[in-house]
C-alpha atoms as a PDB file:
ATOM      1  CA  MET A   1     -11.505  -3.516 -81.839  1.00  0.00           C
ATOM      2  CA  LYS A   2     -11.575  -6.120 -79.079  1.00  0.00           C
ATOM      3  CA  GLU A   3     -14.982  -7.615 -78.497  1.00  0.00           C
ATOM      4  CA  HIS A   4     -16.623  -7.283 -75.080  1.00  0.00           C
ATOM      5  CA  MET A   5     -16.112 -10.340 -72.880  1.00  0.00           C
ATOM      6  CA  ARG A   6     -18.836 -11.284 -70.398  1.00  0.00           C
ATOM      7  CA  GLN A   7     -18.399 -13.265 -67.224  1.00  0.00           C
ATOM      8  CA  PHE A   8     -20.545 -16.008 -65.771  1.00  0.00           C
ATOM      9  CA  THR A   9     -20.137 -18.567 -63.019  1.00  0.00           C
ATOM     10  CA  LEU A  10     -19.579 -22.202 -63.918  1.00  0.00           C
ATOM     11  CA  ARG A  11     -19.952 -24.866 -61.251  1.00  0.00           C
ATOM     12  CA  LEU A  12     -17.886 -28.043 -61.616  1.00  0.00           C
ATOM     13  CA  ASP A  13     -17.134 -30.848 -59.220  1.00  0.00           C
ATOM     14  CA  ASP A  14     -13.533 -31.100 -58.011  1.00  0.00           C
ATOM     15  CA  ALA A  15     -12.591 -34.104 -60.148  1.00  0.00           C
ATOM     16  CA  LEU A  16     -13.848 -32.525 -63.363  1.00  0.00           C
ATOM     17  CA  LEU A  17     -12.106 -29.235 -62.565  1.00  0.00           C
ATOM     18  CA  GLN A  18      -8.817 -31.049 -61.935  1.00  0.00           C
ATOM     19  CA  LYS A  19      -9.153 -32.984 -65.205  1.00  0.00           C
ATOM     20  CA  LEU A  20      -9.927 -29.758 -67.067  1.00  0.00           C
ATOM     21  CA  GLY A  21      -6.810 -28.206 -65.526  1.00  0.00           C
ATOM     22  CA  TYR A  22      -4.711 -31.171 -66.638  1.00  0.00           C
ATOM     23  CA  ILE A  23      -5.973 -30.958 -70.217  1.00  0.00           C
ATOM     24  CA  ALA A  24      -5.597 -27.173 -70.321  1.00  0.00           C
ATOM     25  CA  GLU A  25      -1.991 -27.389 -69.105  1.00  0.00           C
ATOM     26  CA  TYR A  26      -1.255 -30.136 -71.645  1.00  0.00           C
ATOM     27  CA  GLU A  27      -2.638 -27.901 -74.408  1.00  0.00           C
ATOM     28  CA  GLY A  28      -0.724 -24.863 -73.128  1.00  0.00           C
ATOM     29  CA  ARG A  29      -3.870 -22.971 -72.135  1.00  0.00           C
ATOM     30  CA  THR A  30      -5.495 -21.678 -69.000  1.00  0.00           C
ATOM     31  CA  LYS A  31      -8.662 -23.418 -67.851  1.00  0.00           C
ATOM     32  CA  ASN A  32     -10.621 -20.386 -69.015  1.00  0.00           C
ATOM     33  CA  LYS A  33      -9.090 -20.487 -72.509  1.00  0.00           C
ATOM     34  CA  GLU A  34      -9.634 -24.250 -72.693  1.00  0.00           C
ATOM     35  CA  ILE A  35     -13.342 -23.795 -71.922  1.00  0.00           C
ATOM     36  CA  GLN A  36     -13.562 -21.014 -74.544  1.00  0.00           C
ATOM     37  CA  GLN A  37     -11.934 -23.305 -77.119  1.00  0.00           C
ATOM     38  CA  LEU A  38     -14.301 -26.171 -76.313  1.00  0.00           C
ATOM     39  CA  ILE A  39     -17.354 -23.914 -76.580  1.00  0.00           C
ATOM     40  CA  ARG A  40     -16.069 -22.408 -79.845  1.00  0.00           C
ATOM     41  CA  GLN A  41     -15.604 -25.922 -81.316  1.00  0.00           C
ATOM     42  CA  HIS A  42     -19.086 -26.947 -80.175  1.00  0.00           C
ATOM     43  CA  VAL A  43     -20.684 -23.866 -81.776  1.00  0.00           C
ATOM     44  CA  ILE A  44     -18.830 -24.510 -85.055  1.00  0.00           C
ATOM     45  CA  HIS A  45     -19.993 -28.136 -85.068  1.00  0.00           C
ATOM     46  CA  PHE A  46     -23.593 -27.140 -84.250  1.00  0.00           C
ATOM     47  CA  GLU A  47     -23.661 -24.533 -87.039  1.00  0.00           C
ATOM     48  CA  GLN A  48     -22.250 -27.017 -89.540  1.00  0.00           C
ATOM     49  CA  GLU A  49     -25.155 -29.351 -88.773  1.00  0.00           C
ATOM     50  CA  HIS A  50     -27.958 -26.828 -88.255  1.00  0.00           C
ATOM     51  CA  GLY A  51     -26.940 -23.623 -90.029  1.00  0.00           C
ATOM     52  CA  CYS A  52     -25.682 -20.276 -88.844  1.00  0.00           C
ATOM     53  CA  ILE A  53     -27.037 -18.998 -85.534  1.00  0.00           C
ATOM     54  CA  GLU A  54     -28.356 -15.473 -85.961  1.00  0.00           C
ATOM     55  CA  LEU A  55     -27.320 -13.193 -83.125  1.00  0.00           C
ATOM     56  CA  LEU A  56     -29.569 -10.628 -81.490  1.00  0.00           C
ATOM     57  CA  ASP A  57     -28.322  -7.076 -81.153  1.00  0.00           C
ATOM     58  CA  GLN A  58     -27.807  -5.815 -77.594  1.00  0.00           C
ATOM     59  CA  GLU A  59     -31.173  -4.017 -77.433  1.00  0.00           C
ATOM     60  CA  GLU A  60     -33.090  -7.162 -78.491  1.00  0.00           C
ATOM     61  CA  GLU A  61     -31.119  -9.227 -75.992  1.00  0.00           C
ATOM     62  CA  ALA A  62     -31.908  -6.757 -73.184  1.00  0.00           C
ATOM     63  CA  ASP A  63     -35.629  -7.049 -74.008  1.00  0.00           C
ATOM     64  CA  ILE A  64     -35.469 -10.843 -73.595  1.00  0.00           C
ATOM     65  CA  ILE A  65     -33.670 -10.678 -70.261  1.00  0.00           C
END
């Protein structure tokens, strides 16, 4: 089963967005997929240093928001 994907707005200055586009194209990805890959790598690195991040279920998350 495919997991639900959420959307959010990310603001970047023009130069950074162009550089991201260059890197994404070089890697054969879209800018969106490049950002996902970078975030995924960052989470893996964080969890290696600090331990697994426990996720809230959707009801607990709704209570926080």
